[in-house]
Amino acid sequence: MRDILERASRIRLAIFDVDGVLTDGSLYIGDDGQEYKAFNSRDGHGMVLLRQTGVTLAIITGRTSAVVGIRMASLGINHVYQGIQDKLATYEELKQTLGLTDEAIAYVGDDVVDLPVLRRAGLAVAVADAHPLVQRHAHWRTASAGGRGAARDFCELLMEAQGTLDTMMARYF
């Protein structure tokens, strides 16, 4: 665990996949073609808290959905990349734009399409119900499943490692 906390202490950019990480992976599509997703409010609050500590947040997802843009805007996340087939190329562009090294970037994923980025990031995180290959290549695995608290687990890990968790939680006492 000491290695994980050391890795987490260096993170300045946290990147999340959406389907299977911020949601449980279910896709709800109405007769009119409208797509619906369920997001966990505690995950969202954890992301807001982490952002408030100065860690930059980003989304890289293979699907395109208006609801993702709406949800990320409500969380104050400005780096939102949807419809991305080559997640590694987007990761590299974002890394260069922000002037970061791999060691300063964490990625949270759940499926094999996330492996190229997970294998590059300084902190590779798999959600509890991730594909076995993703779990094998991750540095750390959340206790909670995707869309069921996994993002909150990850955000609190980073805040704990960076010494900001107690301060962020103290405002509620």
N, C-alpha and C. Protein backbone atom coordinates (compact mmCIF):
# COMPACT_ATOMS: atom_id res chain seq x y z
N MET A 1 0.82 -1.20 0.00
CA MET A 1 0.00 0.00 0.00
C MET A 1 0.87 1.26 0.00
N ARG A 2 2.05 1.16 0.58
CA ARG A 2 2.93 2.32 0.62
C ARG A 2 3.28 2.78 -0.79
N ASP A 3 3.53 1.84 -1.70
CA ASP A 3 3.84 2.18 -3.09
C ASP A 3 2.66 2.92 -3.74
N ILE A 4 1.45 2.46 -3.45
CA ILE A 4 0.25 3.08 -4.03
C ILE A 4 0.11 4.51 -3.52
N LEU A 5 0.29 4.71 -2.23
CA LEU A 5 0.18 6.06 -1.67
C LEU A 5 1.26 6.98 -2.23
N GLU A 6 2.44 6.44 -2.44
CA GLU A 6 3.52 7.24 -3.04
C GLU A 6 3.16 7.64 -4.47
N ARG A 7 2.67 6.69 -5.24
CA ARG A 7 2.22 7.01 -6.60
C ARG A 7 1.10 8.06 -6.57
N ALA A 8 0.14 7.85 -5.68
CA ALA A 8 -1.02 8.74 -5.59
C ALA A 8 -0.62 10.15 -5.16
N SER A 9 0.43 10.27 -4.38
CA SER A 9 0.86 11.58 -3.90
C SER A 9 1.37 12.47 -5.03
N ARG A 10 1.78 11.86 -6.13
CA ARG A 10 2.35 12.62 -7.26
C ARG A 10 1.33 13.01 -8.32
N ILE A 11 0.09 12.58 -8.18
CA ILE A 11 -0.92 12.77 -9.22
C ILE A 11 -1.41 14.22 -9.28
N ARG A 12 -1.38 14.78 -10.48
CA ARG A 12 -1.88 16.14 -10.73
C ARG A 12 -3.03 16.14 -11.73
N LEU A 13 -3.20 15.02 -12.45
CA LEU A 13 -4.28 14.85 -13.41
C LEU A 13 -4.90 13.48 -13.21
N ALA A 14 -6.22 13.45 -12.98
CA ALA A 14 -6.96 12.20 -12.84
C ALA A 14 -7.91 12.08 -14.02
N ILE A 15 -7.75 11.00 -14.78
CA ILE A 15 -8.58 10.76 -15.96
C ILE A 15 -9.50 9.57 -15.68
N PHE A 16 -10.76 9.75 -16.04
CA PHE A 16 -11.77 8.71 -15.83
C PHE A 16 -12.36 8.28 -17.17
N ASP A 17 -12.58 6.98 -17.33
CA ASP A 17 -13.47 6.46 -18.36
C ASP A 17 -14.89 6.72 -17.83
N VAL A 18 -15.90 6.57 -18.66
CA VAL A 18 -17.27 6.81 -18.20
C VAL A 18 -18.02 5.50 -18.00
N ASP A 19 -18.35 4.80 -19.09
CA ASP A 19 -19.16 3.59 -18.99
C ASP A 19 -18.40 2.49 -18.27
N GLY A 20 -18.94 2.04 -17.15
CA GLY A 20 -18.28 1.01 -16.35
C GLY A 20 -17.41 1.58 -15.25
N VAL A 21 -17.18 2.89 -15.26
CA VAL A 21 -16.40 3.55 -14.21
C VAL A 21 -17.27 4.56 -13.46
N LEU A 22 -17.77 5.55 -14.19
CA LEU A 22 -18.67 6.53 -13.58
C LEU A 22 -20.12 6.07 -13.64
N THR A 23 -20.38 5.04 -14.42
CA THR A 23 -21.68 4.37 -14.46
C THR A 23 -21.44 2.89 -14.25
N ASP A 24 -22.51 2.14 -14.08
CA ASP A 24 -22.34 0.69 -13.91
C ASP A 24 -22.16 -0.03 -15.25
N GLY A 25 -22.09 0.74 -16.32
CA GLY A 25 -21.89 0.15 -17.65
C GLY A 25 -23.17 -0.10 -18.40
N SER A 26 -24.31 0.02 -17.73
CA SER A 26 -25.59 -0.17 -18.41
C SER A 26 -25.85 0.99 -19.35
N LEU A 27 -26.44 0.70 -20.50
CA LEU A 27 -26.84 1.74 -21.45
C LEU A 27 -28.35 1.68 -21.58
N TYR A 28 -28.99 2.79 -21.26
CA TYR A 28 -30.44 2.89 -21.37
C TYR A 28 -30.73 3.75 -22.58
N ILE A 29 -31.42 3.17 -23.57
CA ILE A 29 -31.72 3.90 -24.80
C ILE A 29 -33.23 3.84 -25.02
N GLY A 30 -33.83 5.03 -25.11
CA GLY A 30 -35.28 5.12 -25.31
C GLY A 30 -35.65 4.84 -26.74
N ASP A 31 -36.94 4.68 -26.98
CA ASP A 31 -37.46 4.44 -28.33
C ASP A 31 -37.08 5.55 -29.29
N ASP A 32 -36.88 6.75 -28.75
CA ASP A 32 -36.52 7.90 -29.58
C ASP A 32 -35.01 7.99 -29.83
N GLY A 33 -34.25 7.01 -29.33
CA GLY A 33 -32.81 7.02 -29.50
C GLY A 33 -32.06 7.78 -28.43
N GLN A 34 -32.78 8.43 -27.53
CA GLN A 34 -32.17 9.18 -26.44
C GLN A 34 -31.46 8.21 -25.49
N GLU A 35 -30.22 8.54 -25.13
CA GLU A 35 -29.43 7.70 -24.24
C GLU A 35 -29.49 8.26 -22.82
N TYR A 36 -29.65 7.36 -21.85
CA TYR A 36 -29.71 7.73 -20.45
C TYR A 36 -28.63 6.97 -19.70
N LYS A 37 -28.05 7.63 -18.70
CA LYS A 37 -27.05 6.99 -17.86
C LYS A 37 -27.33 7.37 -16.42
N ALA A 38 -27.01 6.48 -15.50
CA ALA A 38 -27.16 6.78 -14.08
C ALA A 38 -25.77 7.00 -13.49
N PHE A 39 -25.59 8.17 -12.88
CA PHE A 39 -24.34 8.51 -12.22
C PHE A 39 -24.55 8.50 -10.71
N ASN A 40 -23.55 8.07 -9.98
CA ASN A 40 -23.61 8.02 -8.53
C ASN A 40 -23.29 9.40 -7.96
N SER A 41 -24.17 9.95 -7.14
CA SER A 41 -23.97 11.30 -6.61
C SER A 41 -22.77 11.38 -5.69
N ARG A 42 -22.47 10.32 -4.94
CA ARG A 42 -21.29 10.35 -4.07
C ARG A 42 -20.01 10.34 -4.89
N ASP A 43 -20.01 9.63 -6.02
CA ASP A 43 -18.85 9.69 -6.93
C ASP A 43 -18.64 11.13 -7.38
N GLY A 44 -19.73 11.78 -7.79
CA GLY A 44 -19.65 13.15 -8.26
C GLY A 44 -19.12 14.09 -7.19
N HIS A 45 -19.59 13.92 -5.96
CA HIS A 45 -19.13 14.78 -4.88
C HIS A 45 -17.64 14.56 -4.61
N GLY A 46 -17.21 13.32 -4.67
CA GLY A 46 -15.78 13.04 -4.50
C GLY A 46 -14.95 13.70 -5.58
N MET A 47 -15.46 13.69 -6.80
CA MET A 47 -14.74 14.33 -7.91
C MET A 47 -14.66 15.84 -7.71
N VAL A 48 -15.73 16.45 -7.24
CA VAL A 48 -15.73 17.89 -6.97
C VAL A 48 -14.71 18.20 -5.87
N LEU A 49 -14.72 17.42 -4.80
CA LEU A 49 -13.76 17.63 -3.72
C LEU A 49 -12.33 17.51 -4.22
N LEU A 50 -12.06 16.47 -5.00
CA LEU A 50 -10.71 16.29 -5.53
C LEU A 50 -10.31 17.46 -6.41
N ARG A 51 -11.20 17.92 -7.26
CA ARG A 51 -10.92 19.07 -8.12
C ARG A 51 -10.61 20.30 -7.28
N GLN A 52 -11.32 20.47 -6.18
CA GLN A 52 -11.10 21.62 -5.31
C GLN A 52 -9.74 21.60 -4.62
N THR A 53 -9.11 20.43 -4.56
CA THR A 53 -7.76 20.35 -3.97
C THR A 53 -6.69 20.76 -4.97
N GLY A 54 -7.07 20.97 -6.23
CA GLY A 54 -6.11 21.38 -7.24
C GLY A 54 -5.75 20.31 -8.24
N VAL A 55 -6.28 19.11 -8.09
CA VAL A 55 -6.04 18.05 -9.07
C VAL A 55 -6.97 18.31 -10.26
N THR A 56 -6.42 18.28 -11.46
CA THR A 56 -7.20 18.46 -12.68
C THR A 56 -7.90 17.14 -13.01
N LEU A 57 -9.15 17.23 -13.44
CA LEU A 57 -9.92 16.04 -13.81
C LEU A 57 -10.22 16.06 -15.29
N ALA A 58 -10.25 14.87 -15.89
CA ALA A 58 -10.56 14.73 -17.31
C ALA A 58 -11.36 13.45 -17.53
N ILE A 59 -12.06 13.44 -18.65
CA ILE A 59 -12.84 12.28 -19.09
C ILE A 59 -12.36 11.90 -20.48
N ILE A 60 -12.10 10.61 -20.68
CA ILE A 60 -11.84 10.08 -22.02
C ILE A 60 -12.74 8.87 -22.17
N THR A 61 -13.70 8.97 -23.10
CA THR A 61 -14.67 7.89 -23.27
C THR A 61 -14.87 7.58 -24.75
N GLY A 62 -15.13 6.33 -25.03
CA GLY A 62 -15.32 5.90 -26.40
C GLY A 62 -16.67 6.25 -26.98
N ARG A 63 -17.67 6.41 -26.13
CA ARG A 63 -19.02 6.74 -26.58
C ARG A 63 -19.22 8.25 -26.56
N THR A 64 -20.21 8.70 -27.29
CA THR A 64 -20.59 10.11 -27.28
C THR A 64 -22.03 10.20 -26.79
N SER A 65 -22.23 11.03 -25.78
CA SER A 65 -23.56 11.15 -25.19
C SER A 65 -23.72 12.55 -24.61
N ALA A 66 -24.83 13.19 -24.94
CA ALA A 66 -25.10 14.53 -24.42
C ALA A 66 -25.13 14.54 -22.90
N VAL A 67 -25.65 13.49 -22.30
CA VAL A 67 -25.77 13.45 -20.85
C VAL A 67 -24.39 13.47 -20.17
N VAL A 68 -23.38 12.93 -20.82
CA VAL A 68 -22.03 12.98 -20.25
C VAL A 68 -21.54 14.43 -20.20
N GLY A 69 -21.75 15.16 -21.27
CA GLY A 69 -21.37 16.57 -21.29
C GLY A 69 -22.08 17.37 -20.22
N ILE A 70 -23.35 17.09 -20.03
CA ILE A 70 -24.15 17.79 -19.02
C ILE A 70 -23.64 17.45 -17.62
N ARG A 71 -23.42 16.17 -17.36
CA ARG A 71 -22.95 15.76 -16.02
C ARG A 71 -21.56 16.32 -15.73
N MET A 72 -20.65 16.27 -16.68
CA MET A 72 -19.30 16.75 -16.43
C MET A 72 -19.29 18.27 -16.24
N ALA A 73 -20.13 18.99 -16.97
CA ALA A 73 -20.23 20.45 -16.76
C ALA A 73 -20.72 20.74 -15.35
N SER A 74 -21.65 19.95 -14.85
CA SER A 74 -22.17 20.17 -13.50
C SER A 74 -21.11 19.91 -12.44
N LEU A 75 -20.11 19.10 -12.77
CA LEU A 75 -19.02 18.79 -11.83
C LEU A 75 -17.83 19.73 -12.01
N GLY A 76 -17.90 20.61 -13.03
CA GLY A 76 -16.80 21.55 -13.28
C GLY A 76 -15.63 20.92 -13.99
N ILE A 77 -15.87 19.87 -14.74
CA ILE A 77 -14.80 19.19 -15.47
C ILE A 77 -14.77 19.74 -16.89
N ASN A 78 -13.64 20.35 -17.24
CA ASN A 78 -13.50 21.02 -18.54
C ASN A 78 -12.88 20.15 -19.62
N HIS A 79 -12.11 19.17 -19.22
CA HIS A 79 -11.42 18.30 -20.20
C HIS A 79 -12.27 17.06 -20.43
N VAL A 80 -13.17 17.14 -21.41
CA VAL A 80 -14.10 16.05 -21.70
C VAL A 80 -13.91 15.64 -23.15
N TYR A 81 -13.47 14.40 -23.35
CA TYR A 81 -13.21 13.87 -24.69
C TYR A 81 -14.13 12.68 -24.91
N GLN A 82 -15.08 12.84 -25.83
CA GLN A 82 -16.05 11.79 -26.12
C GLN A 82 -15.85 11.26 -27.54
N GLY A 83 -16.30 10.04 -27.77
CA GLY A 83 -16.19 9.42 -29.09
C GLY A 83 -14.75 9.10 -29.46
N ILE A 84 -13.93 8.83 -28.46
CA ILE A 84 -12.49 8.61 -28.67
C ILE A 84 -12.22 7.12 -28.89
N GLN A 85 -11.72 6.80 -30.06
CA GLN A 85 -11.37 5.40 -30.35
C GLN A 85 -9.93 5.09 -29.93
N ASP A 86 -9.04 6.08 -30.02
CA ASP A 86 -7.64 5.91 -29.63
C ASP A 86 -7.40 6.72 -28.35
N LYS A 87 -7.71 6.11 -27.22
CA LYS A 87 -7.60 6.80 -25.95
C LYS A 87 -6.15 7.19 -25.63
N LEU A 88 -5.20 6.38 -26.07
CA LEU A 88 -3.80 6.68 -25.79
C LEU A 88 -3.37 7.97 -26.49
N ALA A 89 -3.80 8.18 -27.72
CA ALA A 89 -3.45 9.41 -28.44
C ALA A 89 -4.02 10.63 -27.72
N THR A 90 -5.25 10.53 -27.25
CA THR A 90 -5.86 11.64 -26.50
C THR A 90 -5.13 11.86 -25.18
N TYR A 91 -4.77 10.79 -24.51
CA TYR A 91 -3.98 10.87 -23.28
C TYR A 91 -2.68 11.63 -23.53
N GLU A 92 -1.98 11.26 -24.60
CA GLU A 92 -0.70 11.90 -24.92
C GLU A 92 -0.89 13.39 -25.23
N GLU A 93 -1.94 13.73 -25.97
CA GLU A 93 -2.22 15.15 -26.28
C GLU A 93 -2.51 15.93 -25.01
N LEU A 94 -3.31 15.36 -24.13
CA LEU A 94 -3.66 16.03 -22.88
C LEU A 94 -2.42 16.19 -22.00
N LYS A 95 -1.62 15.15 -21.94
CA LYS A 95 -0.39 15.20 -21.15
C LYS A 95 0.51 16.33 -21.64
N GLN A 96 0.66 16.43 -22.96
CA GLN A 96 1.50 17.48 -23.53
C GLN A 96 0.90 18.87 -23.29
N THR A 97 -0.39 19.00 -23.49
CA THR A 97 -1.08 20.29 -23.29
C THR A 97 -0.89 20.79 -21.86
N LEU A 98 -0.98 19.89 -20.89
CA LEU A 98 -0.87 20.27 -19.48
C LEU A 98 0.57 20.25 -18.98
N GLY A 99 1.51 19.81 -19.82
CA GLY A 99 2.91 19.79 -19.43
C GLY A 99 3.22 18.83 -18.30
N LEU A 100 2.62 17.65 -18.35
CA LEU A 100 2.80 16.67 -17.29
C LEU A 100 3.60 15.46 -17.77
N THR A 101 4.10 14.69 -16.82
CA THR A 101 4.73 13.41 -17.12
C THR A 101 3.75 12.30 -16.76
N ASP A 102 4.02 11.09 -17.22
CA ASP A 102 3.15 9.95 -16.92
C ASP A 102 2.99 9.78 -15.40
N GLU A 103 4.06 10.02 -14.64
CA GLU A 103 4.01 9.82 -13.19
C GLU A 103 3.02 10.74 -12.50
N ALA A 104 2.63 11.83 -13.15
CA ALA A 104 1.69 12.79 -12.55
C ALA A 104 0.25 12.54 -12.98
N ILE A 105 0.02 11.42 -13.68
CA ILE A 105 -1.31 11.15 -14.23
C ILE A 105 -1.83 9.80 -13.72
N ALA A 106 -3.09 9.81 -13.31
CA ALA A 106 -3.79 8.58 -12.93
C ALA A 106 -4.90 8.35 -13.94
N TYR A 107 -5.19 7.10 -14.19
CA TYR A 107 -6.29 6.73 -15.09
C TYR A 107 -7.12 5.65 -14.42
N VAL A 108 -8.46 5.83 -14.47
CA VAL A 108 -9.38 4.86 -13.89
C VAL A 108 -10.16 4.22 -15.02
N GLY A 109 -10.04 2.89 -15.16
CA GLY A 109 -10.70 2.19 -16.24
C GLY A 109 -11.33 0.89 -15.78
N ASP A 110 -12.02 0.24 -16.75
CA ASP A 110 -12.72 -1.00 -16.41
C ASP A 110 -12.62 -2.08 -17.48
N ASP A 111 -12.24 -1.72 -18.71
CA ASP A 111 -12.30 -2.73 -19.77
C ASP A 111 -11.01 -2.69 -20.60
N VAL A 112 -10.86 -3.66 -21.48
CA VAL A 112 -9.62 -3.82 -22.22
C VAL A 112 -9.27 -2.62 -23.10
N VAL A 113 -10.27 -1.84 -23.53
CA VAL A 113 -9.98 -0.65 -24.34
C VAL A 113 -9.20 0.39 -23.53
N ASP A 114 -9.20 0.26 -22.21
CA ASP A 114 -8.47 1.18 -21.34
C ASP A 114 -7.02 0.77 -21.10
N LEU A 115 -6.66 -0.44 -21.49
CA LEU A 115 -5.31 -0.95 -21.19
C LEU A 115 -4.17 -0.10 -21.75
N PRO A 116 -4.23 0.40 -22.98
CA PRO A 116 -3.09 1.20 -23.46
C PRO A 116 -2.79 2.41 -22.55
N VAL A 117 -3.84 3.06 -22.06
CA VAL A 117 -3.62 4.21 -21.17
C VAL A 117 -3.23 3.72 -19.78
N LEU A 118 -3.89 2.72 -19.27
CA LEU A 118 -3.57 2.19 -17.95
C LEU A 118 -2.10 1.77 -17.86
N ARG A 119 -1.58 1.19 -18.93
CA ARG A 119 -0.20 0.72 -18.91
C ARG A 119 0.81 1.87 -18.99
N ARG A 120 0.36 3.07 -19.32
CA ARG A 120 1.24 4.23 -19.43
C ARG A 120 1.17 5.13 -18.19
N ALA A 121 -0.01 5.22 -17.58
CA ALA A 121 -0.23 6.15 -16.48
C ALA A 121 0.60 5.81 -15.24
N GLY A 122 0.94 6.84 -14.50
CA GLY A 122 1.71 6.66 -13.28
C GLY A 122 0.96 5.93 -12.19
N LEU A 123 -0.37 6.06 -12.20
CA LEU A 123 -1.23 5.32 -11.28
C LEU A 123 -2.39 4.76 -12.09
N ALA A 124 -2.37 3.46 -12.30
CA ALA A 124 -3.41 2.76 -13.06
C ALA A 124 -4.39 2.15 -12.07
N VAL A 125 -5.66 2.52 -12.22
CA VAL A 125 -6.70 2.08 -11.28
C VAL A 125 -7.78 1.31 -12.03
N ALA A 126 -8.12 0.16 -11.48
CA ALA A 126 -9.23 -0.65 -12.01
C ALA A 126 -10.37 -0.59 -11.01
N VAL A 127 -11.59 -0.47 -11.51
CA VAL A 127 -12.75 -0.55 -10.62
C VAL A 127 -12.90 -2.01 -10.19
N ALA A 128 -13.60 -2.22 -9.09
CA ALA A 128 -13.70 -3.56 -8.49
C ALA A 128 -14.21 -4.62 -9.46
N ASP A 129 -15.12 -4.23 -10.35
CA ASP A 129 -15.70 -5.20 -11.28
C ASP A 129 -15.10 -5.10 -12.68
N ALA A 130 -13.88 -4.61 -12.77
CA ALA A 130 -13.20 -4.48 -14.06
C ALA A 130 -12.89 -5.85 -14.66
N HIS A 131 -12.67 -5.84 -15.95
CA HIS A 131 -12.25 -7.06 -16.67
C HIS A 131 -10.96 -7.59 -16.00
N PRO A 132 -10.79 -8.91 -15.94
CA PRO A 132 -9.61 -9.49 -15.29
C PRO A 132 -8.27 -8.96 -15.84
N LEU A 133 -8.17 -8.71 -17.13
CA LEU A 133 -6.92 -8.18 -17.67
C LEU A 133 -6.63 -6.77 -17.15
N VAL A 134 -7.67 -5.98 -17.00
CA VAL A 134 -7.51 -4.64 -16.46
C VAL A 134 -7.06 -4.73 -15.00
N GLN A 135 -7.67 -5.61 -14.25
CA GLN A 135 -7.26 -5.79 -12.85
C GLN A 135 -5.80 -6.23 -12.77
N ARG A 136 -5.38 -7.08 -13.66
CA ARG A 136 -4.01 -7.59 -13.65
C ARG A 136 -2.98 -6.48 -13.91
N HIS A 137 -3.35 -5.51 -14.75
CA HIS A 137 -2.40 -4.45 -15.12
C HIS A 137 -2.55 -3.19 -14.27
N ALA A 138 -3.48 -3.18 -13.34
CA ALA A 138 -3.69 -2.01 -12.50
C ALA A 138 -2.73 -2.02 -11.31
N HIS A 139 -2.37 -0.82 -10.86
CA HIS A 139 -1.60 -0.70 -9.63
C HIS A 139 -2.50 -0.87 -8.41
N TRP A 140 -3.76 -0.43 -8.55
CA TRP A 140 -4.69 -0.45 -7.42
C TRP A 140 -6.09 -0.73 -7.94
N ARG A 141 -6.91 -1.37 -7.10
CA ARG A 141 -8.29 -1.66 -7.46
C ARG A 141 -9.21 -1.07 -6.39
N THR A 142 -10.27 -0.41 -6.84
CA THR A 142 -11.23 0.18 -5.90
C THR A 142 -11.99 -0.93 -5.17
N ALA A 143 -12.51 -0.59 -4.01
CA ALA A 143 -13.35 -1.54 -3.27
C ALA A 143 -14.74 -1.61 -3.88
N SER A 144 -15.15 -0.50 -4.50
CA SER A 144 -16.51 -0.40 -5.06
C SER A 144 -16.51 -0.64 -6.56
N ALA A 145 -17.64 -1.07 -7.06
CA ALA A 145 -17.81 -1.31 -8.49
C ALA A 145 -18.01 0.00 -9.24
N GLY A 146 -17.87 -0.07 -10.55
CA GLY A 146 -18.10 1.09 -11.39
C GLY A 146 -19.52 1.59 -11.24
N GLY A 147 -19.67 2.92 -11.09
CA GLY A 147 -20.97 3.53 -10.90
C GLY A 147 -21.58 3.30 -9.53
N ARG A 148 -20.84 2.67 -8.66
CA ARG A 148 -21.33 2.32 -7.32
C ARG A 148 -20.35 2.77 -6.23
N GLY A 149 -19.60 3.85 -6.50
CA GLY A 149 -18.68 4.37 -5.50
C GLY A 149 -17.21 4.24 -5.86
N ALA A 150 -16.91 3.65 -7.01
CA ALA A 150 -15.51 3.46 -7.40
C ALA A 150 -14.77 4.79 -7.54
N ALA A 151 -15.41 5.77 -8.16
CA ALA A 151 -14.75 7.06 -8.34
C ALA A 151 -14.50 7.72 -6.98
N ARG A 152 -15.44 7.59 -6.06
CA ARG A 152 -15.25 8.16 -4.72
C ARG A 152 -14.09 7.48 -4.01
N ASP A 153 -14.01 6.14 -4.11
CA ASP A 153 -12.88 5.41 -3.52
C ASP A 153 -11.55 5.99 -4.02
N PHE A 154 -11.48 6.16 -5.32
CA PHE A 154 -10.26 6.67 -5.95
C PHE A 154 -9.96 8.10 -5.51
N CYS A 155 -10.96 8.97 -5.52
CA CYS A 155 -10.75 10.37 -5.13
C CYS A 155 -10.26 10.47 -3.69
N GLU A 156 -10.85 9.67 -2.81
CA GLU A 156 -10.42 9.71 -1.41
C GLU A 156 -9.03 9.14 -1.23
N LEU A 157 -8.66 8.13 -2.02
CA LEU A 157 -7.28 7.63 -1.99
C LEU A 157 -6.30 8.74 -2.33
N LEU A 158 -6.58 9.47 -3.42
CA LEU A 158 -5.68 10.56 -3.82
C LEU A 158 -5.61 11.63 -2.75
N MET A 159 -6.75 12.03 -2.21
CA MET A 159 -6.74 13.07 -1.19
C MET A 159 -6.00 12.61 0.07
N GLU A 160 -6.18 11.37 0.45
CA GLU A 160 -5.45 10.82 1.60
C GLU A 160 -3.95 10.87 1.35
N ALA A 161 -3.52 10.41 0.18
CA ALA A 161 -2.10 10.38 -0.15
C ALA A 161 -1.49 11.78 -0.24
N GLN A 162 -2.32 12.75 -0.63
CA GLN A 162 -1.82 14.12 -0.80
C GLN A 162 -2.06 14.99 0.42
N GLY A 163 -2.59 14.40 1.48
CA GLY A 163 -2.77 15.11 2.73
C GLY A 163 -3.90 16.13 2.72
N THR A 164 -4.88 15.96 1.83
CA THR A 164 -5.98 16.92 1.75
C THR A 164 -7.33 16.36 2.20
N LEU A 165 -7.41 15.08 2.45
CA LEU A 165 -8.70 14.46 2.78
C LEU A 165 -9.29 15.03 4.07
N ASP A 166 -8.50 15.11 5.13
CA ASP A 166 -9.03 15.62 6.40
C ASP A 166 -9.52 17.05 6.26
N THR A 167 -8.79 17.87 5.54
CA THR A 167 -9.20 19.26 5.34
C THR A 167 -10.50 19.33 4.57
N MET A 168 -10.63 18.54 3.52
CA MET A 168 -11.84 18.56 2.72
C MET A 168 -13.05 18.04 3.50
N MET A 169 -12.84 17.07 4.36
CA MET A 169 -13.94 16.52 5.14
C MET A 169 -14.28 17.38 6.36
N ALA A 170 -13.32 18.15 6.85
CA ALA A 170 -13.53 18.96 8.06
C ALA A 170 -14.64 19.99 7.87
N ARG A 171 -14.87 20.42 6.66
CA ARG A 171 -15.92 21.42 6.42
C ARG A 171 -17.32 20.89 6.74
N TYR A 172 -17.45 19.59 6.91
CA TYR A 172 -18.76 19.01 7.19
C TYR A 172 -18.98 18.74 8.67
N PHE A 173 -18.01 19.10 9.50
CA PHE A 173 -18.14 18.88 10.95
C PHE A 173 -18.50 20.17 11.65
